[in-house]
Amino acid sequence: MATTETQPAVDVGSLNALHWVGIVAALVTAAVHLVLGARFAPSPLGISFVLAGLGFVGGVVLLVIDYRRRAVYAVGIAFTVVQIVLWYVVNFAGGAKSFPADVGTFGAVDKVAQVVLIAVLVALLRR
């Protein structure tokens, strides 16, 4: 008896405008993390940035192939909240920088994208 493996199929037809806003936000924060990861490589901080960026890209891929979307939304919320908390702790909790004066361009773009992403994921999860 032969078995056939089915490959995950791209399913963009089921994505609405809210999904696309979330995809753009996730890809923006992924790009910021990957650029920062390249800048800090090969340090542990650089590796953590690359892994975070790949996590956001992975979430987009799972969404596009329609893999357990509700679970992806929930995990995405937690993953993104952790990113924001870690960013704050690493950059401001020790008092080395003053929040919000020392956020920087990358930080501002990244955090706006992450807040938008969280809002989108919460809205999608509540549907």
Protein backbone atom coordinates (compact mmCIF):
# COMPACT_ATOMS: atom_id res chain seq x y z
CA MET A 1 0.00 0.00 0.00
CA ALA A 2 1.52 3.30 -1.08
CA THR A 3 1.16 6.35 1.05
CA THR A 4 1.17 9.84 -0.23
CA GLU A 5 2.56 12.72 1.72
CA THR A 6 0.71 15.95 1.46
CA GLN A 7 2.78 19.09 1.52
CA PRO A 8 1.44 22.12 3.33
CA ALA A 9 -0.27 24.37 0.85
CA VAL A 10 -0.19 28.12 0.79
CA ASP A 11 -3.67 29.41 1.61
CA VAL A 12 -3.68 33.18 1.08
CA GLY A 13 -7.29 33.15 -0.07
CA SER A 14 -8.48 32.76 3.51
CA LEU A 15 -6.47 35.74 4.74
CA ASN A 16 -8.32 39.01 5.31
CA ALA A 17 -7.05 42.58 5.70
CA LEU A 18 -6.44 42.07 9.42
CA HIS A 19 -4.22 39.08 8.67
CA TRP A 20 -2.20 41.17 6.20
CA VAL A 21 -1.68 43.95 8.74
CA GLY A 22 -0.39 41.32 11.16
CA ILE A 23 1.87 39.79 8.51
CA VAL A 24 3.40 43.18 7.71
CA ALA A 25 3.90 43.94 11.41
CA ALA A 26 5.49 40.53 12.02
CA LEU A 27 7.81 40.91 9.02
CA VAL A 28 8.85 44.42 10.13
CA THR A 29 9.79 43.19 13.60
CA ALA A 30 11.47 40.12 12.07
CA ALA A 31 13.58 42.36 9.82
CA VAL A 32 14.61 44.57 12.76
CA HIS A 33 15.62 41.51 14.78
CA LEU A 34 17.56 39.95 11.90
CA VAL A 35 19.44 43.20 11.18
CA LEU A 36 20.32 43.62 14.85
CA GLY A 37 21.29 39.95 15.02
CA ALA A 38 23.70 40.44 12.14
CA ARG A 39 25.17 43.51 13.86
CA PHE A 40 25.74 41.71 17.16
CA ALA A 41 26.80 38.33 15.70
CA PRO A 42 28.32 36.06 16.84
CA SER A 43 27.60 37.10 20.43
CA PRO A 44 24.82 35.42 22.41
CA LEU A 45 22.79 38.64 22.06
CA GLY A 46 23.17 38.48 18.28
CA ILE A 47 22.08 34.86 18.23
CA SER A 48 19.03 35.69 20.36
CA PHE A 49 18.04 38.45 17.91
CA VAL A 50 18.35 36.07 14.96
CA LEU A 51 16.29 33.42 16.72
CA ALA A 52 13.59 35.96 17.59
CA GLY A 53 13.51 37.18 13.99
CA LEU A 54 13.20 33.63 12.72
CA GLY A 55 10.40 33.06 15.23
CA PHE A 56 8.39 35.90 13.71
CA VAL A 57 9.05 34.62 10.18
CA GLY A 58 8.05 31.12 11.28
CA GLY A 59 4.77 32.45 12.64
CA VAL A 60 4.01 34.10 9.30
CA VAL A 61 4.77 30.86 7.46
CA LEU A 62 2.47 28.88 9.78
CA LEU A 63 -0.28 31.43 9.22
CA VAL A 64 0.07 31.36 5.45
CA ILE A 65 -0.05 27.55 5.28
CA ASP A 66 -3.11 27.61 7.56
CA TYR A 67 -1.50 25.54 10.31
CA ARG A 68 -3.59 25.71 13.50
CA ARG A 69 -4.13 29.43 13.21
CA ARG A 70 -5.80 29.93 16.59
CA ALA A 71 -2.81 28.32 18.30
CA VAL A 72 -0.44 30.46 16.21
CA TYR A 73 -2.34 33.58 17.31
CA ALA A 74 -2.12 32.63 20.99
CA VAL A 75 1.56 31.68 20.87
CA GLY A 76 2.27 34.81 18.83
CA ILE A 77 0.74 37.01 21.51
CA ALA A 78 2.86 35.43 24.24
CA PHE A 79 6.02 35.44 22.09
CA THR A 80 5.61 39.12 21.23
CA VAL A 81 4.80 40.20 24.80
CA VAL A 82 7.95 38.40 25.98
CA GLN A 83 9.95 40.28 23.33
CA ILE A 84 8.67 43.62 24.62
CA VAL A 85 9.32 42.74 28.27
CA LEU A 86 12.85 41.48 27.52
CA TRP A 87 13.59 44.60 25.47
CA TYR A 88 12.54 46.81 28.37
CA VAL A 89 14.48 44.80 30.96
CA VAL A 90 17.67 44.68 28.89
CA ASN A 91 17.57 48.33 27.88
CA PHE A 92 15.91 50.27 30.68
CA ALA A 93 15.29 48.32 33.89
CA GLY A 94 18.89 48.76 35.06
CA GLY A 95 18.68 52.52 34.74
CA ALA A 96 21.47 52.83 32.14
CA LYS A 97 19.12 54.53 29.71
CA SER A 98 16.10 56.71 30.26
CA PHE A 99 12.78 55.48 28.93
CA PRO A 100 11.35 56.74 26.56
CA ALA A 101 14.10 59.22 25.62
CA ASP A 102 16.63 56.54 24.57
CA VAL A 103 14.37 54.23 22.59
CA GLY A 104 16.05 54.86 19.22
CA THR A 105 14.72 54.44 15.71
CA PHE A 106 15.04 50.65 15.52
CA GLY A 107 13.48 50.30 18.95
CA ALA A 108 10.58 52.59 18.09
CA VAL A 109 9.83 50.90 14.76
CA ASP A 110 10.12 47.47 16.35
CA LYS A 111 7.91 48.23 19.33
CA VAL A 112 5.21 49.92 17.24
CA ALA A 113 5.18 46.87 14.94
CA GLN A 114 4.99 44.55 17.95
CA VAL A 115 2.13 46.45 19.60
CA VAL A 116 0.23 46.40 16.29
CA LEU A 117 0.96 42.69 15.97
CA ILE A 118 -0.36 41.98 19.46
CA ALA A 119 -3.54 43.98 18.77
CA VAL A 120 -4.10 42.10 15.51
CA LEU A 121 -3.48 38.71 17.10
CA VAL A 122 -5.86 39.46 19.96
CA ALA A 123 -8.54 40.56 17.49
CA LEU A 124 -8.04 37.41 15.40
CA LEU A 125 -8.09 35.16 18.45
CA ARG A 126 -11.35 36.70 19.71
CA ARG A 127 -13.17 35.98 16.45
